[in-house]
Protein backbone atom coordinates (compact mmCIF):
# COMPACT_ATOMS: atom_id res chain seq x y z
CA MET A 1 27.70 40.25 -5.08
CA SER A 2 26.03 38.21 -7.79
CA ASP A 3 26.05 39.24 -11.44
CA LYS A 4 22.33 39.91 -11.19
CA ALA A 5 22.76 42.12 -8.14
CA SER A 6 25.58 44.01 -9.88
CA LYS A 7 23.37 44.69 -12.86
CA ASP A 8 20.55 45.83 -10.63
CA VAL A 9 22.85 48.27 -8.88
CA ALA A 10 24.12 49.59 -12.23
CA VAL A 11 20.59 50.22 -13.40
CA GLY A 12 19.89 52.12 -10.20
CA HIS A 13 22.96 54.24 -10.69
CA SER A 14 22.00 55.32 -14.19
CA SER A 15 18.38 56.07 -13.53
CA SER A 16 18.59 58.56 -10.67
CA ALA A 17 22.19 59.50 -9.97
CA GLU A 18 24.30 62.66 -9.87
CA THR A 19 27.08 62.66 -12.46
CA THR A 20 30.63 64.07 -12.32
CA GLY A 21 31.94 64.11 -15.83
CA THR A 22 31.40 60.61 -17.18
CA LYS A 23 31.32 59.00 -13.74
CA LYS A 24 27.93 58.23 -12.21
CA VAL A 25 27.61 58.77 -8.47
CA PRO A 26 24.51 57.40 -6.69
CA SER A 27 22.44 59.61 -4.45
CA ARG A 28 22.15 58.65 -0.78
CA ARG A 29 18.50 57.69 -1.27
CA GLU A 30 19.30 55.46 -4.22
CA TYR A 31 22.28 53.95 -2.40
CA LEU A 32 20.16 53.04 0.62
CA LYS A 33 17.46 51.61 -1.63
CA THR A 34 19.97 49.50 -3.56
CA ALA A 35 21.80 48.39 -0.42
CA GLY A 36 18.52 47.28 1.08
CA ALA A 37 17.71 45.22 -1.98
CA VAL A 38 21.10 43.57 -1.94
CA ALA A 39 20.80 42.85 1.80
CA THR A 40 17.39 41.25 1.24
CA ALA A 41 18.82 39.07 -1.52
CA GLY A 42 21.63 38.06 0.82
CA VAL A 43 19.19 37.01 3.55
CA ALA A 44 17.18 35.00 1.03
CA ALA A 45 20.37 33.34 -0.15
CA ILE A 46 21.03 32.04 3.35
CA GLY A 47 18.16 29.55 2.90
CA MET A 48 19.39 28.40 -0.50
CA PRO A 49 22.03 25.89 0.70
CA THR A 50 19.37 23.97 2.64
CA ILE A 51 17.10 23.82 -0.41
CA ALA A 52 19.99 22.94 -2.70
CA LYS A 53 21.14 20.24 -0.27
CA ALA A 54 17.71 18.58 -0.35
CA GLN A 55 17.59 18.84 -4.13
CA ASN A 56 21.10 17.44 -4.68
CA LYS A 57 21.08 14.76 -1.98
CA THR A 58 20.97 11.13 -3.02
CA TRP A 59 18.28 9.44 -0.94
CA LYS A 60 19.20 5.86 -0.14
CA LEU A 61 16.04 4.10 1.00
CA LYS A 62 15.56 0.64 2.48
CA LEU A 63 12.41 -1.14 1.29
CA GLN A 64 11.06 -4.00 3.39
CA SER A 65 8.88 -6.12 1.13
CA ASN A 66 6.77 -8.52 3.13
CA TRP A 67 6.26 -10.98 0.28
CA THR A 68 9.33 -10.99 -1.96
CA GLY A 69 11.74 -13.88 -1.88
CA ILE A 70 9.16 -16.49 -0.83
CA GLY A 71 8.10 -17.70 -4.27
CA ILE A 72 5.42 -15.19 -5.31
CA GLU A 73 6.46 -14.23 -8.84
CA SER A 74 4.19 -11.18 -9.14
CA GLN A 75 5.51 -9.67 -5.89
CA ASP A 76 9.14 -10.21 -6.91
CA ARG A 77 8.65 -8.64 -10.32
CA ALA A 78 6.61 -5.70 -9.07
CA ALA A 79 9.21 -4.82 -6.43
CA ALA A 80 12.06 -4.99 -8.95
CA LEU A 81 10.20 -2.74 -11.39
CA PHE A 82 9.43 -0.28 -8.59
CA VAL A 83 13.07 0.00 -7.53
CA ASP A 84 14.13 0.61 -11.13
CA ARG A 85 11.36 3.11 -11.82
CA VAL A 86 12.11 5.22 -8.74
CA LYS A 87 15.74 5.51 -9.79
CA LYS A 88 14.84 6.51 -13.33
CA MET A 89 12.08 8.96 -12.38
CA SER A 90 14.34 10.67 -9.84
CA ASN A 91 17.29 10.76 -12.24
CA GLY A 92 19.28 8.73 -9.75
CA ARG A 93 18.50 10.93 -6.75
CA ILE A 94 16.59 8.12 -5.02
CA GLU A 95 18.12 4.68 -4.70
CA VAL A 96 15.89 1.98 -3.22
CA THR A 97 17.26 -1.32 -1.96
CA ASN A 98 14.66 -4.06 -1.60
CA PHE A 99 14.89 -6.46 1.34
CA ASN A 100 12.99 -9.74 1.10
CA ALA A 101 10.44 -10.95 3.62
CA GLU A 102 11.55 -11.00 7.27
CA VAL A 103 15.06 -9.65 6.52
CA LEU A 104 14.90 -6.20 8.10
CA LEU A 105 11.59 -6.54 9.91
CA GLY A 106 9.18 -9.32 10.68
CA ILE A 107 5.78 -8.78 9.17
CA GLY A 108 4.27 -7.86 12.53
CA GLU A 109 7.09 -5.36 13.14
CA THR A 110 6.85 -3.56 9.82
CA PHE A 111 4.57 -0.67 10.74
CA ARG A 112 6.50 0.37 13.84
CA GLY A 113 9.78 -0.33 12.07
CA VAL A 114 8.94 2.09 9.26
CA GLY A 115 7.73 4.69 11.76
CA SER A 116 11.00 4.45 13.68
CA GLY A 117 13.19 4.38 10.57
CA VAL A 118 14.52 0.82 10.69
CA ALA A 119 13.14 0.64 7.14
CA ASP A 120 12.26 3.69 5.07
CA LEU A 121 9.57 1.99 3.02
CA ALA A 122 7.50 -1.15 3.11
CA VAL A 123 5.12 -3.14 0.96
CA THR A 124 2.84 -4.58 3.59
CA SER A 125 -0.78 -4.98 4.64
CA SER A 126 -2.76 -2.94 7.12
CA ILE A 127 -4.17 -6.13 8.67
CA TYR A 128 -0.82 -6.69 10.37
CA HIS A 129 -0.98 -3.44 12.33
CA ARG A 130 -4.63 -3.62 13.31
CA GLY A 131 -3.50 -3.72 16.96
CA ILE A 132 -1.96 -0.25 16.49
CA VAL A 133 -4.47 1.23 14.03
CA PRO A 134 -7.72 -0.78 14.40
CA VAL A 135 -9.23 0.48 11.14
CA GLY A 136 -6.36 -1.27 9.32
CA GLU A 137 -8.26 -4.55 9.42
CA TYR A 138 -11.13 -3.15 7.35
CA LEU A 139 -8.95 -1.14 4.99
CA TRP A 140 -7.39 -4.50 4.17
CA ALA A 141 -10.57 -6.50 3.62
CA VAL A 142 -14.18 -7.11 4.47
CA PRO A 143 -15.05 -10.62 3.24
CA PHE A 144 -17.25 -10.61 0.13
CA PHE A 145 -17.11 -6.82 -0.21
CA PRO A 146 -17.16 -6.44 -4.01
CA VAL A 147 -13.65 -5.21 -4.78
CA SER A 148 -13.78 -7.11 -8.04
CA THR A 149 -12.06 -4.60 -10.34
CA LEU A 150 -9.22 -2.14 -9.90
CA GLU A 151 -11.27 0.79 -11.18
CA PHE A 152 -14.02 0.15 -8.63
CA TYR A 153 -11.63 0.36 -5.70
CA GLU A 154 -9.80 3.25 -7.37
CA ASN A 155 -13.07 5.18 -7.22
CA ILE A 156 -13.55 4.36 -3.53
CA TYR A 157 -9.95 5.24 -2.72
CA GLN A 158 -9.49 8.42 -4.75
CA PHE A 159 -12.93 9.98 -4.67
CA MET A 160 -14.86 8.64 -1.67
CA GLY A 161 -12.45 9.49 1.15
CA ILE A 162 -10.53 6.29 1.87
CA LYS A 163 -7.15 7.75 0.89
CA GLU A 164 -7.50 10.71 3.25
CA LEU A 165 -8.76 8.48 6.05
CA TRP A 166 -5.80 6.14 5.63
CA GLN A 167 -3.30 9.01 5.69
CA GLU A 168 -4.88 10.62 8.75
CA ALA A 169 -4.93 7.37 10.72
CA TYR A 170 -1.21 6.72 10.10
CA LYS A 171 0.12 10.24 10.62
CA PRO A 172 0.36 10.07 14.46
CA HIS A 173 2.66 7.06 14.07
CA ASN A 174 5.15 8.87 11.78
CA VAL A 175 4.02 6.70 8.89
CA ALA A 176 3.04 8.05 5.48
CA HIS A 177 0.54 5.98 3.50
CA LEU A 178 1.66 6.31 -0.14
CA THR A 179 -0.91 4.13 -1.88
CA TYR A 180 -3.08 1.07 -1.65
CA MET A 181 -2.12 -1.88 -3.80
CA ILE A 182 -4.55 -4.37 -5.26
CA SER A 183 -2.69 -7.63 -4.87
CA ASP A 184 -4.65 -10.68 -5.94
CA GLU A 185 -7.30 -12.89 -4.47
CA TRP A 186 -7.14 -13.73 -0.79
CA GLY A 187 -9.12 -16.42 0.94
CA ALA A 188 -9.10 -19.17 -1.66
CA MET A 189 -7.95 -21.63 0.96
CA VAL A 190 -5.77 -24.70 0.94
CA SER A 191 -6.74 -27.62 3.14
CA THR A 192 -5.59 -31.06 4.15
CA ARG A 193 -9.24 -32.14 4.42
CA PRO A 194 -12.15 -31.87 1.99
CA VAL A 195 -14.58 -29.02 2.68
CA ALA A 196 -17.99 -29.00 1.01
CA LYS A 197 -19.64 -26.51 3.37
CA TYR A 198 -18.40 -24.14 6.05
CA ALA A 199 -19.54 -26.43 8.87
CA ASP A 200 -16.83 -28.83 7.67
CA PHE A 201 -14.25 -26.52 9.23
CA LYS A 202 -15.38 -27.69 12.67
CA GLY A 203 -12.40 -28.94 14.64
CA MET A 204 -9.85 -27.70 12.09
CA LYS A 205 -6.85 -25.50 12.90
CA VAL A 206 -6.92 -22.68 10.36
CA ARG A 207 -4.79 -19.67 9.51
CA ALA A 208 -7.08 -16.72 8.80
CA PHE A 209 -7.55 -13.09 9.78
CA GLY A 210 -10.21 -10.55 10.56
CA ILE A 211 -13.91 -11.10 10.02
CA TRP A 212 -13.15 -14.17 7.93
CA ALA A 213 -11.48 -15.74 10.95
CA ASP A 214 -14.56 -14.83 13.02
CA TRP A 215 -16.78 -16.65 10.52
CA LEU A 216 -14.63 -19.77 10.60
CA VAL A 217 -14.65 -19.75 14.41
CA HIS A 218 -18.44 -19.38 14.21
CA ASN A 219 -18.36 -22.64 12.25
CA GLY A 220 -16.21 -24.44 14.80
CA ALA A 221 -12.67 -23.83 13.57
CA SER A 222 -9.81 -22.68 15.78
CA ILE A 223 -7.49 -19.95 14.54
CA VAL A 224 -3.71 -20.30 14.55
CA THR A 225 -1.58 -17.29 13.59
CA VAL A 226 1.64 -17.94 11.69
CA PRO A 227 3.50 -15.78 9.12
CA GLY A 228 2.52 -16.43 5.53
CA GLY A 229 5.98 -17.66 4.64
CA GLU A 230 5.72 -20.36 7.31
CA VAL A 231 2.38 -21.86 6.23
CA TYR A 232 4.02 -24.76 4.37
CA THR A 233 5.98 -25.88 7.43
CA ALA A 234 3.00 -25.31 9.75
CA ILE A 235 0.82 -27.61 7.64
CA GLN A 236 3.61 -30.14 7.19
CA THR A 237 4.07 -30.34 10.97
CA LYS A 238 0.29 -30.40 11.59
CA ILE A 239 0.21 -27.05 13.37
CA LEU A 240 -2.36 -26.14 10.71
CA ASP A 241 -5.01 -28.11 8.85
CA ALA A 242 -5.95 -25.32 6.44
CA ALA A 243 -4.92 -21.78 5.58
CA ALA A 244 -6.02 -18.61 3.90
CA PHE A 245 -3.04 -16.59 2.77
CA GLY A 246 -2.24 -16.25 -0.85
CA SER A 247 -3.35 -16.49 -4.40
CA PRO A 248 -2.79 -19.44 -6.75
CA ASP A 249 0.55 -17.85 -7.67
CA ALA A 250 1.55 -17.75 -4.01
CA TRP A 251 0.38 -21.27 -3.23
CA ALA A 252 2.12 -22.68 -6.30
CA GLY A 253 5.32 -20.77 -5.56
CA MET A 254 5.30 -22.16 -2.03
CA LYS A 255 4.63 -25.69 -3.42
CA MET A 256 1.59 -26.13 -1.23
CA HIS A 257 0.39 -29.04 -3.37
CA GLU A 258 3.09 -31.10 -1.65
CA VAL A 259 1.33 -30.86 1.74
CA CYS A 260 -2.29 -29.98 0.87
CA LYS A 261 -4.62 -31.97 -1.34
CA TYR A 262 -7.51 -29.49 -1.57
CA TYR A 263 -7.90 -25.98 -2.95
CA ILE A 264 -11.12 -24.38 -1.74
CA ASN A 265 -12.79 -21.85 -4.04
CA PRO A 266 -13.94 -19.16 -4.44
CA SER A 267 -11.80 -16.50 -2.82
CA VAL A 268 -13.70 -14.54 -0.18
CA CYS A 269 -11.74 -11.42 -1.18
CA PRO A 270 -11.45 -11.10 -4.98
CA TYR A 271 -8.63 -8.62 -4.42
CA ASP A 272 -6.37 -8.39 -1.40
CA ILE A 273 -5.84 -4.70 -0.55
CA VAL A 274 -2.25 -4.16 0.56
CA GLU A 275 -0.24 -0.94 0.71
CA VAL A 276 3.00 1.00 0.39
CA ILE A 277 4.05 2.94 3.48
CA MET A 278 6.99 5.26 4.17
CA ASN A 279 8.62 6.96 7.12
CA LEU A 280 6.72 10.25 7.33
CA LYS A 281 9.70 12.35 8.45
CA THR A 282 11.79 11.12 5.53
CA PHE A 283 8.95 11.76 3.10
CA ASN A 284 8.42 15.29 4.43
CA GLU A 285 12.15 16.08 4.14
CA MET A 286 12.13 15.26 0.45
CA PRO A 287 11.68 18.09 -2.06
CA PRO A 288 8.23 18.12 -3.69
CA ASP A 289 9.39 16.62 -6.98
CA LEU A 290 10.84 13.58 -5.21
CA GLN A 291 7.76 13.20 -3.05
CA GLU A 292 5.80 12.98 -6.30
CA VAL A 293 8.24 10.36 -7.59
CA MET A 294 7.50 8.17 -4.57
CA LEU A 295 3.75 8.62 -4.89
CA SER A 296 3.62 8.09 -8.64
CA ALA A 297 6.00 5.13 -8.72
CA SER A 298 3.99 3.46 -5.95
CA ARG A 299 0.74 3.95 -7.86
CA VAL A 300 2.26 2.46 -11.01
CA MET A 301 3.46 -0.54 -9.00
CA ASN A 302 -0.13 -1.03 -7.85
CA LYS A 303 -1.41 -1.25 -11.40
CA GLU A 304 1.44 -3.46 -12.59
CA LEU A 305 0.93 -5.92 -9.74
CA ALA A 306 -2.82 -6.13 -10.38
CA ALA A 307 -2.24 -6.71 -14.10
CA MET A 308 0.49 -9.33 -13.86
CA THR A 309 -1.45 -11.47 -11.36
CA ILE A 310 -3.83 -12.46 -14.15
CA THR A 311 -1.04 -14.39 -15.83
CA THR A 312 0.75 -15.58 -12.71
CA ASP A 313 -2.45 -16.83 -11.04
CA ALA A 314 -3.58 -18.67 -14.16
CA ARG A 315 -0.19 -20.36 -14.28
CA GLY A 316 -0.38 -21.03 -10.54
CA ARG A 317 -3.71 -22.84 -10.82
CA LYS A 318 -2.28 -25.06 -13.51
CA LYS A 319 0.79 -25.91 -11.41
CA LEU A 320 -1.35 -26.78 -8.40
CA ALA A 321 -3.58 -29.05 -10.49
CA GLU A 322 -0.56 -30.73 -12.07
CA GLY A 323 0.80 -31.25 -8.56
CA GLY A 324 -2.32 -33.18 -7.61
CA MET A 325 -4.32 -30.50 -5.82
CA GLN A 326 -8.07 -30.87 -6.22
CA THR A 327 -10.29 -27.78 -6.48
CA LEU A 328 -13.46 -27.76 -4.38
CA MET A 329 -16.23 -25.19 -4.91
CA ILE A 330 -18.31 -23.89 -2.02
CA PRO A 331 -22.02 -23.87 -3.05
CA ASP A 332 -23.79 -20.55 -3.70
CA ASP A 333 -26.17 -20.89 -0.77
CA GLU A 334 -23.21 -21.29 1.59
CA LEU A 335 -21.54 -18.23 0.08
CA THR A 336 -24.68 -16.14 0.44
CA LYS A 337 -25.04 -17.13 4.08
CA ALA A 338 -21.38 -16.32 4.79
CA ALA A 339 -21.53 -12.98 2.97
CA GLU A 340 -24.56 -11.84 4.96
CA TRP A 341 -22.99 -12.89 8.27
CA CYS A 342 -19.70 -11.13 7.51
CA TRP A 343 -21.37 -7.88 6.41
CA ASN A 344 -23.54 -7.79 9.53
CA ARG A 345 -20.45 -8.41 11.64
CA PHE A 346 -18.76 -5.45 9.95
CA VAL A 347 -21.57 -2.90 10.30
CA GLY A 348 -22.08 -4.07 13.87
CA LEU A 349 -18.74 -2.43 14.74
CA LYS A 350 -20.23 1.03 14.40
CA GLY A 351 -19.49 3.28 17.36
CA LYS A 352 -16.21 1.65 18.40
CA ASP A 353 -13.76 3.83 16.46
CA LYS A 354 -14.18 7.02 14.42
CA TYR A 355 -12.15 5.68 11.50
CA ILE A 356 -14.04 2.40 11.43
CA ASP A 357 -17.30 4.38 11.47
CA LYS A 358 -16.14 6.31 8.42
CA VAL A 359 -15.16 3.13 6.57
CA ILE A 360 -18.58 1.62 7.31
CA GLU A 361 -20.20 4.74 5.86
CA ILE A 362 -18.02 4.72 2.72
CA TYR A 363 -18.30 0.98 2.12
CA SER A 364 -22.07 1.05 2.56
CA THR A 365 -22.37 3.73 -0.12
CA ALA A 366 -19.90 1.91 -2.37
CA ARG A 367 -21.73 -1.40 -1.97
CA GLN A 368 -24.90 0.19 -3.30
CA LEU A 369 -22.92 1.89 -6.05
CA HIS A 370 -21.56 -1.49 -7.12
CA LYS A 371 -25.10 -2.86 -7.42
CA ASP A 372 -26.25 0.18 -9.38
CA TYR A 373 -23.30 0.13 -11.78
CA TYR A 374 -22.60 -3.55 -12.26
CA GLY A 375 -26.25 -4.47 -12.51
CA PRO A 376 -28.02 -4.60 -15.88
CA LYS A 377 -26.25 -1.99 -18.02
CA ARG A 378 -29.00 -0.54 -20.15
CA LEU A 379 -30.75 2.77 -20.45
CA PRO A 380 -33.97 3.09 -18.47
CA VAL A 381 -37.13 2.87 -20.58
């Protein structure tokens, strides 16, 4: 019997008991009442070891990062800070080991690998599992959609329904979506040939994804799919003529100036929306405070990555220029034409998938909100 239970019994004895001299003897009614209380406490205590076990367990998690170890400084730093923060916030109860790109899982295997438990966590992109969850392509990017600031997408994600949609779409696959991450620009392409307008892509072999790939095909390009970490070799061996993959930081880290002479601006996606995912069963087995550690640490990683890319991309552009890469700017009229085509392609998907329909609805509202907010900022007169 616990000390607390003993005290409770003693109180019961003194309050309504028969006495023989100085000794207190409980009545049958009081005895049964007290015994029942103690029995109830004992039953409740049966569940305590399970709770205590979850609280005291050290969770050793394997993180598959799809872009660490390939020369992208911001990704390497963000992952290292995340691992350290999780350990500190959990007081050592969660230990995360980061695995660089392609070590545990290939990038196309990541989603299923996290769902099956080969890795517990991953920093990845929903574009790579669009064949499993079709809406993933559009959660990743719609070319020219104005995700130009972190706070704008934060509003879409937190308050317009994207977060809940993302979580619901992944749940049947035993995958928990922890957070989006604003990486850096995607679609500022490198090329072995000069490109002054989109028609110049005719006959070129290009690495690209999603609606952007559709637009390039519309202009006569052919699409070749290779992992991001293999773009250098693919261009060097003439498997590719051009590629959309990374930011200036990524291209500089991969030394793309050695095999590509041209850097084509601007980026068609000002921010590349990636994500942190986790095995859902593992997440659900964690006590609530550790679940919050995973969610909060992931969200901080998002903000750190977005912030540090300002410096790393500026440095990357300088390295590329010093390496002899020439920057080419696509004219505004070409950009306007491409933006209109890509948006119409996107909204034309309505009716094919309930999640895609919801994204179309949310993005349409957000697109108007962007115009209303980022337009002339003055009080109406």
